[in-house]
Amino acid sequence: MKARARWLDGMAFASETGSGHRLTVDGPPDLGGQERGPRPMELMLQSLGCCSAVDVVYILERGRHPVSDCEVEVEAERAETPPKVFTAIHLHFRVSGEGLKDAAVARAVQLSAEKYCSASIMLAKACPVTHSYEVVAQG
C-alpha cells in the first residue's frame, strides 16, 4: 500500500491513496489550519470505524443475516500534551435488518475486533480499544 501527501499551503495537504482517491487534509486552526478538510487524527478514527464496519457487514452478509443498515460511532480520548496520542478508543455499532439476531451482530463485532480489523488490532497495541453494539429495530 502507498499514500502520498503534498503540501498545498497553510497546514493543508493534498492526500492521495495508492488506489488514486484524493482528499484534502488540514491541520487544526491553532496550528494555522483553515478547516479545508478533516484533521489527520480524525481520519485515523474514520479509518478505524470504516475498517471495522466493513468487517461487520461482510461477516453478517456471508452468514446470510439480513443487514439493512450499519452505523458506527467512534469516540476517542487523547493525551493532553504532545504527542497527543489516543489513550482510549470506543466503537459503538448500530446495526439493523429485519429479523437480525443479537447473537449474530455480537459475533460479527467480536470477530472484527479480535481477528479481522487491521486498524483496530493495530491501534489496540497502543491503547485500549473497546466495542459495543445494538441491534436497531426496523420501523
N, C-alpha and C. Protein backbone atom coordinates (compact mmCIF):
# COMPACT_ATOMS: atom_id res chain seq x y z
N MET A 1 0.84 -1.18 0.00
CA MET A 1 0.00 0.00 0.00
C MET A 1 0.89 1.24 0.00
N LYS A 2 0.36 2.27 -0.61
CA LYS A 2 1.07 3.53 -0.65
C LYS A 2 0.09 4.68 -0.49
N ALA A 3 0.62 5.80 -0.05
CA ALA A 3 -0.15 7.04 0.01
C ALA A 3 0.85 8.18 -0.16
N ARG A 4 0.32 9.32 -0.55
CA ARG A 4 1.18 10.48 -0.73
C ARG A 4 0.43 11.70 -0.21
N ALA A 5 1.16 12.61 0.41
CA ALA A 5 0.60 13.89 0.85
C ALA A 5 1.49 15.00 0.32
N ARG A 6 0.87 15.97 -0.34
CA ARG A 6 1.61 17.10 -0.90
C ARG A 6 1.08 18.39 -0.28
N TRP A 7 1.98 19.18 0.26
CA TRP A 7 1.61 20.43 0.91
C TRP A 7 1.01 21.38 -0.09
N LEU A 8 -0.14 21.94 0.26
CA LEU A 8 -0.80 22.94 -0.58
C LEU A 8 -0.39 24.33 -0.13
N ASP A 9 -0.79 24.69 1.08
CA ASP A 9 -0.41 25.95 1.73
C ASP A 9 -0.94 25.90 3.14
N GLY A 10 -0.55 26.87 3.96
CA GLY A 10 -1.00 26.85 5.36
C GLY A 10 -0.66 25.52 5.99
N MET A 11 -1.67 24.81 6.46
CA MET A 11 -1.49 23.47 7.00
C MET A 11 -2.28 22.44 6.21
N ALA A 12 -2.65 22.79 4.97
CA ALA A 12 -3.45 21.91 4.12
C ALA A 12 -2.54 21.06 3.23
N PHE A 13 -2.95 19.82 3.05
CA PHE A 13 -2.23 18.87 2.22
C PHE A 13 -3.19 18.16 1.28
N ALA A 14 -2.75 17.92 0.06
CA ALA A 14 -3.50 17.08 -0.87
C ALA A 14 -3.00 15.67 -0.64
N SER A 15 -3.88 14.80 -0.22
CA SER A 15 -3.53 13.42 0.08
C SER A 15 -4.10 12.52 -1.02
N GLU A 16 -3.30 11.56 -1.43
CA GLU A 16 -3.75 10.62 -2.46
C GLU A 16 -3.37 9.21 -2.06
N THR A 17 -4.33 8.30 -2.17
CA THR A 17 -4.08 6.91 -1.85
C THR A 17 -3.44 6.21 -3.04
N GLY A 18 -2.88 5.05 -2.79
CA GLY A 18 -2.31 4.26 -3.86
C GLY A 18 -3.33 3.86 -4.91
N SER A 19 -4.61 3.81 -4.52
CA SER A 19 -5.67 3.45 -5.47
C SER A 19 -6.23 4.66 -6.19
N GLY A 20 -5.62 5.85 -5.96
CA GLY A 20 -5.99 7.03 -6.72
C GLY A 20 -7.07 7.92 -6.13
N HIS A 21 -7.50 7.66 -4.92
CA HIS A 21 -8.53 8.50 -4.29
C HIS A 21 -7.85 9.69 -3.61
N ARG A 22 -8.50 10.86 -3.74
CA ARG A 22 -7.89 12.09 -3.23
C ARG A 22 -8.74 12.73 -2.15
N LEU A 23 -8.05 13.43 -1.27
CA LEU A 23 -8.70 14.09 -0.15
C LEU A 23 -7.82 15.24 0.30
N THR A 24 -8.43 16.37 0.64
CA THR A 24 -7.69 17.47 1.24
C THR A 24 -7.74 17.29 2.76
N VAL A 25 -6.59 17.35 3.39
CA VAL A 25 -6.46 17.21 4.83
C VAL A 25 -5.91 18.53 5.36
N ASP A 26 -6.42 18.99 6.49
CA ASP A 26 -5.98 20.27 7.04
C ASP A 26 -5.67 20.12 8.52
N GLY A 27 -4.74 20.89 8.99
CA GLY A 27 -4.41 20.92 10.41
C GLY A 27 -5.43 21.72 11.18
N PRO A 28 -5.36 21.66 12.50
CA PRO A 28 -6.31 22.43 13.32
C PRO A 28 -6.02 23.93 13.23
N PRO A 29 -7.04 24.75 13.47
CA PRO A 29 -6.88 26.20 13.39
C PRO A 29 -5.75 26.74 14.27
N ASP A 30 -5.53 26.15 15.45
CA ASP A 30 -4.49 26.68 16.33
C ASP A 30 -3.08 26.48 15.76
N LEU A 31 -2.96 25.65 14.71
CA LEU A 31 -1.68 25.47 14.02
C LEU A 31 -1.67 26.16 12.66
N GLY A 32 -2.76 26.86 12.34
CA GLY A 32 -2.84 27.56 11.06
C GLY A 32 -3.76 26.91 10.05
N GLY A 33 -4.44 25.85 10.45
CA GLY A 33 -5.41 25.21 9.56
C GLY A 33 -6.59 26.11 9.29
N GLN A 34 -7.23 25.90 8.14
CA GLN A 34 -8.35 26.75 7.74
C GLN A 34 -9.63 25.96 7.51
N GLU A 35 -9.76 24.80 8.15
CA GLU A 35 -10.97 23.97 8.04
C GLU A 35 -11.24 23.54 6.60
N ARG A 36 -10.20 23.26 5.84
CA ARG A 36 -10.36 22.86 4.43
C ARG A 36 -10.51 21.36 4.27
N GLY A 37 -10.44 20.63 5.36
CA GLY A 37 -10.59 19.19 5.30
C GLY A 37 -10.44 18.61 6.69
N PRO A 38 -10.65 17.31 6.81
CA PRO A 38 -10.51 16.69 8.12
C PRO A 38 -9.06 16.75 8.62
N ARG A 39 -8.92 16.68 9.92
CA ARG A 39 -7.60 16.64 10.53
C ARG A 39 -7.06 15.20 10.45
N PRO A 40 -5.75 15.05 10.47
CA PRO A 40 -5.17 13.71 10.35
C PRO A 40 -5.67 12.71 11.41
N MET A 41 -5.78 13.13 12.66
CA MET A 41 -6.22 12.19 13.70
C MET A 41 -7.71 11.86 13.55
N GLU A 42 -8.50 12.78 13.00
CA GLU A 42 -9.90 12.47 12.71
C GLU A 42 -9.97 11.38 11.64
N LEU A 43 -9.09 11.49 10.64
CA LEU A 43 -9.06 10.46 9.60
C LEU A 43 -8.71 9.10 10.16
N MET A 44 -7.84 9.08 11.16
CA MET A 44 -7.48 7.81 11.76
C MET A 44 -8.71 7.16 12.40
N LEU A 45 -9.53 7.97 13.08
CA LEU A 45 -10.76 7.43 13.67
C LEU A 45 -11.75 7.01 12.60
N GLN A 46 -11.88 7.81 11.54
CA GLN A 46 -12.77 7.43 10.44
C GLN A 46 -12.32 6.12 9.82
N SER A 47 -11.03 5.99 9.61
CA SER A 47 -10.49 4.77 9.02
C SER A 47 -10.78 3.56 9.90
N LEU A 48 -10.58 3.73 11.19
CA LEU A 48 -10.87 2.65 12.13
C LEU A 48 -12.34 2.25 12.05
N GLY A 49 -13.23 3.23 12.11
CA GLY A 49 -14.67 2.93 12.05
C GLY A 49 -15.06 2.24 10.77
N CYS A 50 -14.56 2.72 9.65
CA CYS A 50 -14.90 2.12 8.36
C CYS A 50 -14.32 0.72 8.21
N CYS A 51 -13.08 0.54 8.65
CA CYS A 51 -12.44 -0.77 8.56
C CYS A 51 -13.25 -1.81 9.34
N SER A 52 -13.62 -1.46 10.54
CA SER A 52 -14.38 -2.39 11.37
C SER A 52 -15.80 -2.60 10.84
N ALA A 53 -16.43 -1.53 10.36
CA ALA A 53 -17.79 -1.66 9.83
C ALA A 53 -17.83 -2.53 8.58
N VAL A 54 -16.81 -2.41 7.74
CA VAL A 54 -16.72 -3.29 6.55
C VAL A 54 -16.72 -4.74 7.01
N ASP A 55 -15.92 -5.04 8.03
CA ASP A 55 -15.87 -6.41 8.55
C ASP A 55 -17.23 -6.87 9.05
N VAL A 56 -17.87 -6.04 9.86
CA VAL A 56 -19.15 -6.41 10.46
C VAL A 56 -20.19 -6.71 9.39
N VAL A 57 -20.32 -5.82 8.41
CA VAL A 57 -21.29 -6.03 7.34
C VAL A 57 -20.93 -7.29 6.53
N TYR A 58 -19.66 -7.44 6.20
CA TYR A 58 -19.22 -8.59 5.41
C TYR A 58 -19.50 -9.91 6.15
N ILE A 59 -19.17 -9.95 7.42
CA ILE A 59 -19.40 -11.17 8.22
C ILE A 59 -20.88 -11.49 8.28
N LEU A 60 -21.70 -10.48 8.52
CA LEU A 60 -23.15 -10.71 8.59
C LEU A 60 -23.70 -11.17 7.24
N GLU A 61 -23.29 -10.51 6.16
CA GLU A 61 -23.78 -10.90 4.84
C GLU A 61 -23.32 -12.30 4.46
N ARG A 62 -22.08 -12.65 4.77
CA ARG A 62 -21.58 -14.00 4.47
C ARG A 62 -22.36 -15.06 5.23
N GLY A 63 -22.82 -14.69 6.43
CA GLY A 63 -23.62 -15.61 7.23
C GLY A 63 -25.10 -15.57 6.85
N ARG A 64 -25.41 -14.84 5.80
CA ARG A 64 -26.78 -14.68 5.29
C ARG A 64 -27.74 -14.07 6.32
N HIS A 65 -27.18 -13.15 7.11
CA HIS A 65 -28.01 -12.42 8.07
C HIS A 65 -28.49 -11.14 7.39
N PRO A 66 -29.74 -10.77 7.59
CA PRO A 66 -30.30 -9.60 6.91
C PRO A 66 -29.78 -8.29 7.48
N VAL A 67 -28.99 -7.57 6.70
CA VAL A 67 -28.47 -6.27 7.14
C VAL A 67 -29.03 -5.19 6.22
N SER A 68 -29.69 -4.21 6.82
CA SER A 68 -30.20 -3.10 6.01
C SER A 68 -29.48 -1.80 6.33
N ASP A 69 -28.80 -1.75 7.49
CA ASP A 69 -28.06 -0.54 7.84
C ASP A 69 -27.01 -0.88 8.88
N CYS A 70 -25.91 -0.17 8.80
CA CYS A 70 -24.84 -0.31 9.80
C CYS A 70 -24.19 1.05 9.98
N GLU A 71 -24.14 1.48 11.21
CA GLU A 71 -23.52 2.76 11.55
C GLU A 71 -22.59 2.51 12.73
N VAL A 72 -21.44 3.14 12.71
CA VAL A 72 -20.52 3.01 13.85
C VAL A 72 -20.08 4.40 14.28
N GLU A 73 -20.18 4.65 15.56
CA GLU A 73 -19.67 5.90 16.14
C GLU A 73 -18.37 5.56 16.84
N VAL A 74 -17.36 6.35 16.57
CA VAL A 74 -16.05 6.13 17.16
C VAL A 74 -15.73 7.34 18.04
N GLU A 75 -15.41 7.09 19.29
CA GLU A 75 -15.03 8.16 20.21
C GLU A 75 -13.67 7.82 20.77
N ALA A 76 -12.84 8.84 20.92
CA ALA A 76 -11.50 8.62 21.45
C ALA A 76 -11.14 9.69 22.47
N GLU A 77 -10.31 9.29 23.39
CA GLU A 77 -9.69 10.23 24.32
C GLU A 77 -8.25 10.38 23.90
N ARG A 78 -7.72 11.60 24.08
CA ARG A 78 -6.33 11.86 23.70
C ARG A 78 -5.55 12.42 24.88
N ALA A 79 -4.27 12.20 24.86
CA ALA A 79 -3.39 12.79 25.85
C ALA A 79 -3.45 14.31 25.72
N GLU A 80 -3.28 14.99 26.81
CA GLU A 80 -3.39 16.45 26.78
C GLU A 80 -2.12 17.13 26.31
N THR A 81 -1.00 16.44 26.37
CA THR A 81 0.27 17.04 25.97
C THR A 81 0.87 16.25 24.81
N PRO A 82 1.69 16.91 24.01
CA PRO A 82 2.30 16.22 22.86
C PRO A 82 3.21 15.07 23.30
N PRO A 83 3.23 14.01 22.57
CA PRO A 83 2.38 13.76 21.41
C PRO A 83 0.98 13.40 21.89
N LYS A 84 -0.02 14.03 21.33
CA LYS A 84 -1.39 13.84 21.79
C LYS A 84 -1.98 12.54 21.22
N VAL A 85 -1.41 11.44 21.69
CA VAL A 85 -1.82 10.12 21.22
C VAL A 85 -3.20 9.78 21.77
N PHE A 86 -3.84 8.82 21.12
CA PHE A 86 -5.09 8.31 21.66
C PHE A 86 -4.77 7.51 22.92
N THR A 87 -5.56 7.70 23.95
CA THR A 87 -5.38 6.95 25.19
C THR A 87 -6.49 5.93 25.40
N ALA A 88 -7.58 6.07 24.68
CA ALA A 88 -8.69 5.12 24.72
C ALA A 88 -9.58 5.38 23.51
N ILE A 89 -10.08 4.30 22.93
CA ILE A 89 -10.97 4.40 21.76
C ILE A 89 -12.15 3.47 21.99
N HIS A 90 -13.33 3.93 21.63
CA HIS A 90 -14.53 3.08 21.73
C HIS A 90 -15.32 3.16 20.43
N LEU A 91 -15.71 2.01 19.93
CA LEU A 91 -16.56 1.91 18.74
C LEU A 91 -17.92 1.39 19.18
N HIS A 92 -18.98 2.07 18.77
CA HIS A 92 -20.34 1.62 19.06
C HIS A 92 -21.08 1.44 17.73
N PHE A 93 -21.52 0.21 17.49
CA PHE A 93 -22.22 -0.15 16.25
C PHE A 93 -23.72 -0.13 16.47
N ARG A 94 -24.43 0.40 15.48
CA ARG A 94 -25.89 0.28 15.40
C ARG A 94 -26.18 -0.44 14.09
N VAL A 95 -26.71 -1.63 14.22
CA VAL A 95 -26.94 -2.47 13.04
C VAL A 95 -28.41 -2.83 12.98
N SER A 96 -28.98 -2.76 11.79
CA SER A 96 -30.39 -3.14 11.66
C SER A 96 -30.57 -4.07 10.47
N GLY A 97 -31.63 -4.80 10.54
CA GLY A 97 -32.01 -5.74 9.49
C GLY A 97 -33.22 -6.52 9.98
N GLU A 98 -34.16 -6.75 9.12
CA GLU A 98 -35.38 -7.44 9.52
C GLU A 98 -35.06 -8.85 10.01
N GLY A 99 -35.37 -9.11 11.27
CA GLY A 99 -35.10 -10.42 11.85
C GLY A 99 -33.64 -10.64 12.24
N LEU A 100 -32.83 -9.60 12.23
CA LEU A 100 -31.41 -9.71 12.58
C LEU A 100 -31.27 -10.10 14.05
N LYS A 101 -30.50 -11.11 14.31
CA LYS A 101 -30.33 -11.64 15.67
C LYS A 101 -29.17 -10.95 16.39
N ASP A 102 -29.40 -10.68 17.66
CA ASP A 102 -28.40 -10.07 18.52
C ASP A 102 -27.10 -10.88 18.52
N ALA A 103 -27.22 -12.18 18.61
CA ALA A 103 -26.03 -13.05 18.66
C ALA A 103 -25.19 -12.94 17.40
N ALA A 104 -25.83 -12.76 16.26
CA ALA A 104 -25.09 -12.64 15.00
C ALA A 104 -24.28 -11.34 14.97
N VAL A 105 -24.88 -10.26 15.45
CA VAL A 105 -24.18 -8.97 15.48
C VAL A 105 -23.04 -9.04 16.50
N ALA A 106 -23.30 -9.61 17.66
CA ALA A 106 -22.25 -9.75 18.68
C ALA A 106 -21.06 -10.51 18.12
N ARG A 107 -21.32 -11.59 17.41
CA ARG A 107 -20.24 -12.40 16.83
C ARG A 107 -19.48 -11.61 15.77
N ALA A 108 -20.19 -10.89 14.92
CA ALA A 108 -19.53 -10.11 13.87
C ALA A 108 -18.64 -9.02 14.46
N VAL A 109 -19.12 -8.33 15.48
CA VAL A 109 -18.34 -7.28 16.13
C VAL A 109 -17.10 -7.89 16.80
N GLN A 110 -17.28 -9.01 17.47
CA GLN A 110 -16.16 -9.67 18.14
C GLN A 110 -15.12 -10.16 17.14
N LEU A 111 -15.57 -10.77 16.04
CA LEU A 111 -14.62 -11.24 15.03
C LEU A 111 -13.85 -10.08 14.41
N SER A 112 -14.53 -8.99 14.16
CA SER A 112 -13.85 -7.82 13.62
C SER A 112 -12.78 -7.34 14.61
N ALA A 113 -13.17 -7.20 15.87
CA ALA A 113 -12.27 -6.67 16.89
C ALA A 113 -11.07 -7.57 17.15
N GLU A 114 -11.28 -8.87 17.13
CA GLU A 114 -10.23 -9.80 17.56
C GLU A 114 -9.47 -10.47 16.43
N LYS A 115 -10.05 -10.48 15.22
CA LYS A 115 -9.41 -11.26 14.17
C LYS A 115 -9.19 -10.52 12.85
N TYR A 116 -10.14 -9.69 12.42
CA TYR A 116 -10.10 -9.18 11.07
C TYR A 116 -9.74 -7.70 10.88
N CYS A 117 -10.13 -6.84 11.79
CA CYS A 117 -9.93 -5.41 11.56
C CYS A 117 -8.48 -5.01 11.85
N SER A 118 -7.73 -4.83 10.79
CA SER A 118 -6.31 -4.45 10.90
C SER A 118 -6.13 -3.18 11.72
N ALA A 119 -6.96 -2.19 11.46
CA ALA A 119 -6.83 -0.91 12.14
C ALA A 119 -7.09 -1.06 13.64
N SER A 120 -8.15 -1.76 13.99
CA SER A 120 -8.49 -1.94 15.40
C SER A 120 -7.41 -2.73 16.13
N ILE A 121 -6.96 -3.79 15.54
CA ILE A 121 -5.94 -4.64 16.17
C ILE A 121 -4.62 -3.88 16.31
N MET A 122 -4.26 -3.10 15.30
CA MET A 122 -3.03 -2.32 15.36
C MET A 122 -3.12 -1.24 16.44
N LEU A 123 -4.22 -0.48 16.47
CA LEU A 123 -4.37 0.58 17.46
C LEU A 123 -4.48 0.02 18.88
N ALA A 124 -5.02 -1.19 19.02
CA ALA A 124 -5.14 -1.80 20.35
C ALA A 124 -3.78 -2.10 20.97
N LYS A 125 -2.74 -2.11 20.16
CA LYS A 125 -1.39 -2.29 20.69
C LYS A 125 -0.89 -1.00 21.36
N ALA A 126 -1.55 0.12 21.07
CA ALA A 126 -1.13 1.41 21.61
C ALA A 126 -2.04 1.92 22.73
N CYS A 127 -3.33 1.53 22.70
CA CYS A 127 -4.27 1.98 23.72
C CYS A 127 -5.46 1.03 23.74
N PRO A 128 -6.25 1.07 24.82
CA PRO A 128 -7.44 0.21 24.86
C PRO A 128 -8.43 0.60 23.76
N VAL A 129 -8.91 -0.41 23.04
CA VAL A 129 -9.95 -0.22 22.03
C VAL A 129 -11.11 -1.12 22.43
N THR A 130 -12.25 -0.52 22.72
CA THR A 130 -13.41 -1.28 23.14
C THR A 130 -14.52 -1.17 22.10
N HIS A 131 -15.43 -2.13 22.15
CA HIS A 131 -16.51 -2.21 21.17
C HIS A 131 -17.83 -2.48 21.89
N SER A 132 -18.89 -1.91 21.37
CA SER A 132 -20.24 -2.23 21.82
C SER A 132 -21.15 -2.18 20.60
N TYR A 133 -22.37 -2.67 20.77
CA TYR A 133 -23.28 -2.69 19.63
C TYR A 133 -24.72 -2.69 20.13
N GLU A 134 -25.59 -2.37 19.21
CA GLU A 134 -27.03 -2.53 19.45
C GLU A 134 -27.66 -2.93 18.14
N VAL A 135 -28.66 -3.77 18.24
CA VAL A 135 -29.46 -4.14 17.08
C VAL A 135 -30.67 -3.21 17.11
N VAL A 136 -30.81 -2.43 16.05
CA VAL A 136 -31.87 -1.43 15.98
C VAL A 136 -33.06 -2.01 15.24
N ALA A 137 -34.21 -1.91 15.86
CA ALA A 137 -35.44 -2.41 15.23
C ALA A 137 -35.76 -1.56 14.02
N GLN A 138 -36.22 -2.22 12.98
CA GLN A 138 -36.62 -1.50 11.78
C GLN A 138 -38.03 -0.99 11.96
N GLY A 139 -38.27 0.17 11.41
CA GLY A 139 -39.61 0.68 11.59
C GLY A 139 -39.97 1.77 10.69
